[in-house]
Every structure is written in structure tokens, then in C-alpha cells.
Amino acid sequence: MKITLDQYDYKILHILNENSRLSYAEIGRKISLSQSATKERVLNLVENGVIKQFGVEIDFSKLGYGLQVVMSLKFRNDEFKTFLDNLSKFPEILSCKRITGEYCLVAECILSDSSHLENLIDRLIPYGVPTTSVQLSEVKVDNFFKHLM
């Protein structure tokens, strides 16, 4: 079910998307609403399922995981389900997205170095064919909410 939002709701989403730790008062100041009105709107967005969770952005390089890769996986036969059943064996995989096209899945992975990547590839080969792209940098694009406000 589609939820109808107004410009204040989109502004709140934009602000929370950048920094989910801001107080209701700080958000309200940025969009010219009172703290109580802002809180009510945020809670409404949560209650209606628009906001699914609040999160943090982690700098994995500070934890010794300086190699980030995007891996496309092409599975043989019914190995896709077997892979999903064994996903917990791959702590390096932060997220997976099921996709259409030649590949079945795209995974975002965090690794310590190239030998760690080689080890992950070796462990994935029994499930299918992995194709890896090393992430050199990340460009944050924050245009979605701007055109709605």
C-alpha cells in the first residue's frame, strides 16, 4: 500500500538518511517544525513502515577490512537454494540482492586483503561462478528525496 507523504515528510526522510542520530529538535529546526510535530511525523513514518530501521555507517577499514568488493554470482542448477542455506558460512558477505539477468545474485563483501578475497572465491566456487569487481571508492548520491521536496 502506497503511503502519501508531504514535503515535510520527505525532508525528514532526507535528513534521517544522512544522519539518523539527530534529535527531533534538530530535525525540526532544519525543516521549520516544532520538536513535537517532528516527533509525531517520524513516529508516523515508522508506524506506517516507511522507515524500516535506523542504522549506522561503519568504516570497515578501521577494523582491518580495507578491501570492498561487489561480487556477481551465477549458480548452477539448484545451488542457489543451497548457497542461501549456507550463507552464514560467509561472514564477509554484508548483503545480497537477487537480480535478473545473467547472474542470480549480487553480493557486497568486506575483506582484509587480496588473499582473503581469493579464499572467499575458493569457498564460493562449489556453489557457482563468482565474478568480482573491486570497489575503489564510493560516491554518495543523495538526489532521491531532493526532487520530492
N, C-alpha and C. Protein backbone atom coordinates (compact mmCIF):
# COMPACT_ATOMS: atom_id res chain seq x y z
N MET A 1 0.84 -1.18 0.00
CA MET A 1 0.00 0.00 0.00
C MET A 1 0.89 1.25 0.00
N LYS A 2 0.60 2.14 -0.92
CA LYS A 2 1.39 3.37 -1.04
C LYS A 2 0.95 4.37 0.02
N ILE A 3 1.92 4.98 0.67
CA ILE A 3 1.68 6.00 1.69
C ILE A 3 1.86 7.38 1.05
N THR A 4 0.96 8.29 1.31
CA THR A 4 1.06 9.64 0.78
C THR A 4 1.85 10.50 1.78
N LEU A 5 2.91 11.13 1.29
CA LEU A 5 3.75 11.97 2.12
C LEU A 5 3.72 13.40 1.59
N ASP A 6 4.03 14.36 2.47
CA ASP A 6 4.13 15.74 2.04
C ASP A 6 5.60 16.17 2.08
N GLN A 7 5.84 17.43 1.77
CA GLN A 7 7.22 17.92 1.68
C GLN A 7 7.96 17.79 3.01
N TYR A 8 7.27 17.95 4.14
CA TYR A 8 7.93 17.81 5.43
C TYR A 8 8.39 16.37 5.67
N ASP A 9 7.54 15.42 5.30
CA ASP A 9 7.92 14.01 5.44
C ASP A 9 9.14 13.69 4.60
N TYR A 10 9.16 14.17 3.37
CA TYR A 10 10.32 13.93 2.50
C TYR A 10 11.57 14.61 3.05
N LYS A 11 11.42 15.79 3.61
CA LYS A 11 12.57 16.47 4.22
C LYS A 11 13.10 15.68 5.41
N ILE A 12 12.18 15.16 6.21
CA ILE A 12 12.59 14.33 7.36
C ILE A 12 13.34 13.09 6.88
N LEU A 13 12.81 12.42 5.87
CA LEU A 13 13.48 11.23 5.32
C LEU A 13 14.86 11.57 4.79
N HIS A 14 14.98 12.69 4.11
CA HIS A 14 16.27 13.14 3.57
C HIS A 14 17.27 13.36 4.71
N ILE A 15 16.85 14.04 5.74
CA ILE A 15 17.73 14.34 6.87
C ILE A 15 18.12 13.05 7.60
N LEU A 16 17.15 12.18 7.88
CA LEU A 16 17.46 10.93 8.58
C LEU A 16 18.32 10.01 7.74
N ASN A 17 18.17 10.07 6.44
CA ASN A 17 19.00 9.26 5.56
C ASN A 17 20.47 9.70 5.64
N GLU A 18 20.69 10.97 5.88
CA GLU A 18 22.06 11.48 6.04
C GLU A 18 22.61 11.21 7.43
N ASN A 19 21.75 11.36 8.46
CA ASN A 19 22.20 11.19 9.84
C ASN A 19 21.02 10.81 10.71
N SER A 20 20.89 9.54 11.02
CA SER A 20 19.74 9.06 11.78
C SER A 20 19.86 9.31 13.28
N ARG A 21 20.95 9.93 13.70
CA ARG A 21 21.15 10.18 15.13
C ARG A 21 20.67 11.55 15.58
N LEU A 22 20.21 12.38 14.66
CA LEU A 22 19.75 13.71 15.03
C LEU A 22 18.51 13.63 15.91
N SER A 23 18.40 14.57 16.83
CA SER A 23 17.24 14.62 17.71
C SER A 23 16.05 15.19 16.94
N TYR A 24 14.87 14.99 17.50
CA TYR A 24 13.67 15.56 16.89
C TYR A 24 13.78 17.08 16.82
N ALA A 25 14.36 17.68 17.86
CA ALA A 25 14.52 19.14 17.89
C ALA A 25 15.44 19.61 16.76
N GLU A 26 16.55 18.89 16.54
CA GLU A 26 17.49 19.28 15.47
C GLU A 26 16.85 19.13 14.09
N ILE A 27 16.12 18.05 13.90
CA ILE A 27 15.44 17.84 12.62
C ILE A 27 14.40 18.94 12.43
N GLY A 28 13.62 19.21 13.47
CA GLY A 28 12.60 20.24 13.41
C GLY A 28 13.16 21.60 13.05
N ARG A 29 14.29 21.96 13.62
CA ARG A 29 14.94 23.25 13.29
C ARG A 29 15.31 23.31 11.81
N LYS A 30 15.76 22.20 11.26
CA LYS A 30 16.18 22.19 9.86
C LYS A 30 15.01 22.35 8.89
N ILE A 31 13.81 21.94 9.34
CA ILE A 31 12.66 21.99 8.42
C ILE A 31 11.56 22.94 8.90
N SER A 32 11.87 23.69 9.94
CA SER A 32 10.93 24.69 10.49
C SER A 32 9.64 24.06 11.03
N LEU A 33 9.80 23.00 11.81
CA LEU A 33 8.69 22.39 12.53
C LEU A 33 9.07 22.27 14.00
N SER A 34 8.08 22.21 14.86
CA SER A 34 8.35 22.04 16.29
C SER A 34 8.88 20.63 16.55
N GLN A 35 9.50 20.47 17.72
CA GLN A 35 10.03 19.17 18.10
C GLN A 35 8.90 18.15 18.17
N SER A 36 7.77 18.52 18.76
CA SER A 36 6.66 17.57 18.91
C SER A 36 6.05 17.19 17.56
N ALA A 37 5.91 18.17 16.65
CA ALA A 37 5.38 17.86 15.32
C ALA A 37 6.34 16.95 14.54
N THR A 38 7.62 17.21 14.70
CA THR A 38 8.64 16.39 14.03
C THR A 38 8.60 14.97 14.57
N LYS A 39 8.55 14.84 15.90
CA LYS A 39 8.50 13.52 16.52
C LYS A 39 7.27 12.75 16.03
N GLU A 40 6.12 13.42 16.00
CA GLU A 40 4.88 12.78 15.55
C GLU A 40 5.02 12.27 14.11
N ARG A 41 5.65 13.08 13.25
CA ARG A 41 5.83 12.68 11.86
C ARG A 41 6.79 11.50 11.73
N VAL A 42 7.90 11.53 12.49
CA VAL A 42 8.86 10.43 12.43
C VAL A 42 8.19 9.14 12.92
N LEU A 43 7.48 9.22 14.03
CA LEU A 43 6.81 8.03 14.56
C LEU A 43 5.76 7.51 13.60
N ASN A 44 5.08 8.41 12.90
CA ASN A 44 4.11 8.01 11.88
C ASN A 44 4.79 7.30 10.71
N LEU A 45 5.96 7.80 10.31
CA LEU A 45 6.72 7.16 9.23
C LEU A 45 7.17 5.76 9.64
N VAL A 46 7.53 5.61 10.91
CA VAL A 46 7.92 4.29 11.42
C VAL A 46 6.71 3.38 11.48
N GLU A 47 5.61 3.88 12.06
CA GLU A 47 4.39 3.08 12.22
C GLU A 47 3.84 2.61 10.88
N ASN A 48 3.95 3.43 9.85
CA ASN A 48 3.44 3.08 8.52
C ASN A 48 4.43 2.26 7.71
N GLY A 49 5.60 1.96 8.28
CA GLY A 49 6.58 1.11 7.62
C GLY A 49 7.44 1.80 6.58
N VAL A 50 7.32 3.13 6.48
CA VAL A 50 8.18 3.87 5.54
C VAL A 50 9.62 3.80 6.03
N ILE A 51 9.82 4.06 7.31
CA ILE A 51 11.15 3.90 7.93
C ILE A 51 11.16 2.50 8.53
N LYS A 52 12.04 1.65 7.98
CA LYS A 52 12.11 0.27 8.44
C LYS A 52 13.07 0.11 9.61
N GLN A 53 14.13 0.92 9.62
CA GLN A 53 15.10 0.85 10.71
C GLN A 53 16.01 2.06 10.67
N PHE A 54 16.68 2.31 11.78
CA PHE A 54 17.68 3.37 11.86
C PHE A 54 19.03 2.67 11.92
N GLY A 55 20.04 3.22 11.24
CA GLY A 55 21.29 2.50 11.17
C GLY A 55 22.52 3.36 11.33
N VAL A 56 23.65 2.72 11.18
CA VAL A 56 24.94 3.38 11.24
C VAL A 56 25.73 3.03 9.99
N GLU A 57 26.68 3.87 9.66
CA GLU A 57 27.59 3.58 8.57
C GLU A 57 28.95 3.30 9.19
N ILE A 58 29.49 2.13 8.94
CA ILE A 58 30.73 1.68 9.57
C ILE A 58 31.88 1.82 8.60
N ASP A 59 33.00 2.33 9.09
CA ASP A 59 34.23 2.38 8.30
C ASP A 59 34.98 1.08 8.56
N PHE A 60 34.77 0.10 7.69
CA PHE A 60 35.36 -1.22 7.90
C PHE A 60 36.88 -1.21 7.79
N SER A 61 37.44 -0.25 7.10
CA SER A 61 38.91 -0.19 7.01
C SER A 61 39.52 0.05 8.39
N LYS A 62 38.83 0.74 9.28
CA LYS A 62 39.32 0.97 10.65
C LYS A 62 39.35 -0.34 11.45
N LEU A 63 38.60 -1.32 10.97
CA LEU A 63 38.54 -2.63 11.64
C LEU A 63 39.44 -3.66 10.95
N GLY A 64 40.22 -3.21 9.96
CA GLY A 64 41.14 -4.10 9.27
C GLY A 64 40.58 -4.73 8.00
N TYR A 65 39.43 -4.24 7.54
CA TYR A 65 38.81 -4.77 6.33
C TYR A 65 38.77 -3.67 5.27
N GLY A 66 39.91 -3.45 4.63
CA GLY A 66 40.06 -2.34 3.70
C GLY A 66 39.71 -2.67 2.26
N LEU A 67 39.36 -3.91 1.97
CA LEU A 67 39.04 -4.31 0.60
C LEU A 67 37.54 -4.55 0.50
N GLN A 68 36.89 -3.74 -0.31
CA GLN A 68 35.46 -3.91 -0.53
C GLN A 68 35.25 -4.36 -1.96
N VAL A 69 34.42 -5.38 -2.14
CA VAL A 69 34.16 -5.90 -3.48
C VAL A 69 32.66 -6.09 -3.68
N VAL A 70 32.28 -6.02 -4.94
CA VAL A 70 30.94 -6.39 -5.36
C VAL A 70 31.11 -7.66 -6.17
N MET A 71 30.37 -8.69 -5.78
CA MET A 71 30.53 -9.98 -6.42
C MET A 71 29.21 -10.40 -7.05
N SER A 72 29.27 -10.73 -8.31
CA SER A 72 28.10 -11.28 -9.00
C SER A 72 28.24 -12.79 -9.00
N LEU A 73 27.14 -13.48 -8.71
CA LEU A 73 27.19 -14.94 -8.63
C LEU A 73 26.20 -15.56 -9.60
N LYS A 74 26.71 -16.50 -10.38
CA LYS A 74 25.89 -17.28 -11.31
C LYS A 74 25.89 -18.70 -10.77
N PHE A 75 24.71 -19.22 -10.48
CA PHE A 75 24.60 -20.53 -9.85
C PHE A 75 24.27 -21.61 -10.87
N ARG A 76 24.72 -22.83 -10.55
CA ARG A 76 24.41 -23.99 -11.37
C ARG A 76 23.19 -24.69 -10.77
N ASN A 77 22.31 -25.14 -11.60
CA ASN A 77 21.15 -25.95 -11.20
C ASN A 77 20.45 -25.37 -9.97
N ASP A 78 20.39 -26.16 -8.90
CA ASP A 78 19.67 -25.72 -7.71
C ASP A 78 20.62 -25.25 -6.60
N GLU A 79 21.83 -24.85 -6.98
CA GLU A 79 22.83 -24.43 -5.99
C GLU A 79 22.47 -23.11 -5.32
N PHE A 80 21.56 -22.34 -5.91
CA PHE A 80 21.15 -21.06 -5.33
C PHE A 80 20.56 -21.28 -3.94
N LYS A 81 19.62 -22.23 -3.83
CA LYS A 81 18.99 -22.51 -2.53
C LYS A 81 20.03 -23.04 -1.55
N THR A 82 20.90 -23.91 -2.00
CA THR A 82 21.94 -24.44 -1.13
C THR A 82 22.84 -23.33 -0.62
N PHE A 83 23.19 -22.39 -1.51
CA PHE A 83 24.01 -21.25 -1.11
C PHE A 83 23.29 -20.44 -0.03
N LEU A 84 22.02 -20.12 -0.25
CA LEU A 84 21.26 -19.33 0.73
C LEU A 84 21.19 -20.05 2.07
N ASP A 85 21.05 -21.36 2.04
CA ASP A 85 21.01 -22.14 3.28
C ASP A 85 22.35 -22.09 4.02
N ASN A 86 23.43 -21.85 3.28
CA ASN A 86 24.78 -21.83 3.87
C ASN A 86 25.38 -20.42 3.97
N LEU A 87 24.57 -19.42 3.79
CA LEU A 87 25.05 -18.03 3.77
C LEU A 87 25.79 -17.64 5.05
N SER A 88 25.41 -18.22 6.17
CA SER A 88 26.07 -17.90 7.45
C SER A 88 27.54 -18.31 7.46
N LYS A 89 27.96 -19.14 6.53
CA LYS A 89 29.36 -19.56 6.44
C LYS A 89 30.24 -18.49 5.79
N PHE A 90 29.61 -17.39 5.35
CA PHE A 90 30.32 -16.34 4.64
C PHE A 90 30.14 -14.99 5.35
N PRO A 91 30.83 -14.81 6.48
CA PRO A 91 30.66 -13.56 7.23
C PRO A 91 31.15 -12.33 6.46
N GLU A 92 31.94 -12.55 5.42
CA GLU A 92 32.45 -11.44 4.60
C GLU A 92 31.35 -10.79 3.77
N ILE A 93 30.26 -11.52 3.56
CA ILE A 93 29.17 -11.00 2.74
C ILE A 93 28.24 -10.17 3.61
N LEU A 94 28.21 -8.87 3.33
CA LEU A 94 27.37 -7.96 4.11
C LEU A 94 25.92 -7.96 3.65
N SER A 95 25.71 -8.04 2.35
CA SER A 95 24.35 -8.03 1.82
C SER A 95 24.32 -8.75 0.49
N CYS A 96 23.14 -9.27 0.17
CA CYS A 96 22.92 -9.92 -1.12
C CYS A 96 21.63 -9.37 -1.72
N LYS A 97 21.65 -9.21 -3.01
CA LYS A 97 20.46 -8.79 -3.73
C LYS A 97 20.22 -9.78 -4.86
N ARG A 98 19.02 -10.32 -4.91
CA ARG A 98 18.67 -11.22 -6.01
C ARG A 98 18.32 -10.35 -7.21
N ILE A 99 18.89 -10.69 -8.36
CA ILE A 99 18.73 -9.85 -9.54
C ILE A 99 18.30 -10.70 -10.75
N THR A 100 17.89 -9.99 -11.80
CA THR A 100 17.57 -10.66 -13.06
C THR A 100 18.78 -10.58 -13.97
N GLY A 101 18.77 -11.36 -15.02
CA GLY A 101 19.85 -11.32 -15.99
C GLY A 101 20.74 -12.53 -15.90
N GLU A 102 21.94 -12.38 -16.39
CA GLU A 102 22.89 -13.49 -16.45
C GLU A 102 23.26 -14.02 -15.07
N TYR A 103 23.37 -13.13 -14.11
CA TYR A 103 23.72 -13.52 -12.75
C TYR A 103 22.45 -13.57 -11.90
N CYS A 104 22.49 -14.37 -10.84
CA CYS A 104 21.32 -14.54 -9.97
C CYS A 104 21.37 -13.62 -8.76
N LEU A 105 22.59 -13.25 -8.37
CA LEU A 105 22.76 -12.57 -7.10
C LEU A 105 23.94 -11.62 -7.18
N VAL A 106 23.83 -10.49 -6.50
CA VAL A 106 24.95 -9.56 -6.32
C VAL A 106 25.19 -9.44 -4.83
N ALA A 107 26.44 -9.62 -4.42
CA ALA A 107 26.80 -9.56 -3.00
C ALA A 107 27.80 -8.45 -2.75
N GLU A 108 27.61 -7.74 -1.65
CA GLU A 108 28.57 -6.74 -1.20
C GLU A 108 29.43 -7.42 -0.14
N CYS A 109 30.76 -7.40 -0.35
CA CYS A 109 31.66 -8.13 0.54
C CYS A 109 32.73 -7.20 1.12
N ILE A 110 33.13 -7.49 2.35
CA ILE A 110 34.19 -6.76 3.04
C ILE A 110 35.29 -7.77 3.37
N LEU A 111 36.52 -7.44 2.95
CA LEU A 111 37.63 -8.37 3.13
C LEU A 111 38.86 -7.62 3.64
N SER A 112 39.79 -8.38 4.20
CA SER A 112 41.01 -7.74 4.72
C SER A 112 42.02 -7.44 3.63
N ASP A 113 42.16 -8.34 2.66
CA ASP A 113 43.17 -8.16 1.61
C ASP A 113 42.87 -9.11 0.45
N SER A 114 43.77 -9.12 -0.54
CA SER A 114 43.53 -9.93 -1.74
C SER A 114 43.58 -11.43 -1.44
N SER A 115 44.37 -11.86 -0.48
CA SER A 115 44.38 -13.29 -0.15
C SER A 115 43.07 -13.70 0.52
N HIS A 116 42.49 -12.81 1.28
CA HIS A 116 41.18 -13.07 1.87
C HIS A 116 40.13 -13.19 0.76
N LEU A 117 40.23 -12.33 -0.26
CA LEU A 117 39.33 -12.40 -1.42
C LEU A 117 39.50 -13.74 -2.14
N GLU A 118 40.74 -14.14 -2.34
CA GLU A 118 41.00 -15.41 -3.02
C GLU A 118 40.38 -16.57 -2.24
N ASN A 119 40.50 -16.53 -0.93
CA ASN A 119 39.92 -17.56 -0.07
C ASN A 119 38.39 -17.58 -0.20
N LEU A 120 37.78 -16.41 -0.22
CA LEU A 120 36.32 -16.33 -0.37
C LEU A 120 35.88 -16.90 -1.72
N ILE A 121 36.58 -16.53 -2.77
CA ILE A 121 36.25 -17.05 -4.10
C ILE A 121 36.34 -18.57 -4.11
N ASP A 122 37.42 -19.13 -3.53
CA ASP A 122 37.59 -20.58 -3.47
C ASP A 122 36.44 -21.25 -2.73
N ARG A 123 35.94 -20.60 -1.67
CA ARG A 123 34.82 -21.17 -0.89
C ARG A 123 33.49 -21.03 -1.61
N LEU A 124 33.39 -20.08 -2.54
CA LEU A 124 32.14 -19.87 -3.28
C LEU A 124 32.02 -20.74 -4.53
N ILE A 125 33.14 -21.14 -5.10
CA ILE A 125 33.16 -21.89 -6.36
C ILE A 125 32.28 -23.15 -6.33
N PRO A 126 32.20 -23.89 -5.22
CA PRO A 126 31.32 -25.07 -5.23
C PRO A 126 29.84 -24.74 -5.47
N TYR A 127 29.45 -23.50 -5.25
CA TYR A 127 28.05 -23.10 -5.43
C TYR A 127 27.77 -22.57 -6.83
N GLY A 128 28.77 -22.01 -7.48
CA GLY A 128 28.56 -21.42 -8.79
C GLY A 128 29.77 -20.65 -9.26
N VAL A 129 29.52 -19.67 -10.11
CA VAL A 129 30.61 -18.91 -10.72
C VAL A 129 30.59 -17.47 -10.18
N PRO A 130 31.59 -17.09 -9.38
CA PRO A 130 31.65 -15.72 -8.89
C PRO A 130 32.45 -14.82 -9.84
N THR A 131 31.97 -13.62 -10.05
CA THR A 131 32.70 -12.60 -10.80
C THR A 131 32.84 -11.40 -9.86
N THR A 132 34.07 -10.94 -9.68
CA THR A 132 34.36 -9.95 -8.66
C THR A 132 34.79 -8.62 -9.26
N SER A 133 34.28 -7.54 -8.69
CA SER A 133 34.73 -6.18 -9.01
C SER A 133 35.17 -5.53 -7.71
N VAL A 134 36.38 -5.00 -7.70
CA VAL A 134 36.90 -4.33 -6.51
C VAL A 134 36.36 -2.91 -6.48
N GLN A 135 35.86 -2.52 -5.34
CA GLN A 135 35.35 -1.16 -5.16
C GLN A 135 36.52 -0.24 -4.86
N LEU A 136 36.72 0.75 -5.70
CA LEU A 136 37.81 1.70 -5.49
C LEU A 136 37.39 2.84 -4.57
N SER A 137 36.18 3.31 -4.72
CA SER A 137 35.65 4.37 -3.87
C SER A 137 34.13 4.33 -3.94
N GLU A 138 33.51 5.14 -3.12
CA GLU A 138 32.06 5.22 -3.11
C GLU A 138 31.64 6.66 -3.31
N VAL A 139 30.72 6.85 -4.21
CA VAL A 139 30.17 8.18 -4.47
C VAL A 139 28.76 8.19 -3.88
N LYS A 140 28.56 9.00 -2.87
CA LYS A 140 27.24 9.09 -2.25
C LYS A 140 26.35 9.95 -3.13
N VAL A 141 25.24 9.40 -3.56
CA VAL A 141 24.27 10.13 -4.36
C VAL A 141 23.03 10.29 -3.48
N ASP A 142 22.66 11.53 -3.25
CA ASP A 142 21.54 11.79 -2.36
C ASP A 142 20.52 12.68 -3.07
N ASN A 143 20.11 12.25 -4.26
CA ASN A 143 19.20 13.05 -5.07
C ASN A 143 17.75 12.64 -4.94
N PHE A 144 17.49 11.44 -4.43
CA PHE A 144 16.13 10.91 -4.46
C PHE A 144 15.14 11.82 -3.75
N PHE A 145 15.42 12.18 -2.50
CA PHE A 145 14.47 12.97 -1.73
C PHE A 145 14.44 14.43 -2.18
N LYS A 146 15.56 14.91 -2.74
CA LYS A 146 15.62 16.32 -3.16
C LYS A 146 14.58 16.64 -4.21
N HIS A 147 14.34 15.75 -5.14
CA HIS A 147 13.37 16.05 -6.20
C HIS A 147 11.92 15.92 -5.70
N LEU A 148 11.74 15.31 -4.53
CA LEU A 148 10.39 15.16 -3.98
C LEU A 148 10.00 16.30 -3.04
N MET A 149 11.01 17.06 -2.60
CA MET A 149 10.75 18.12 -1.61
C MET A 149 10.28 19.40 -2.28
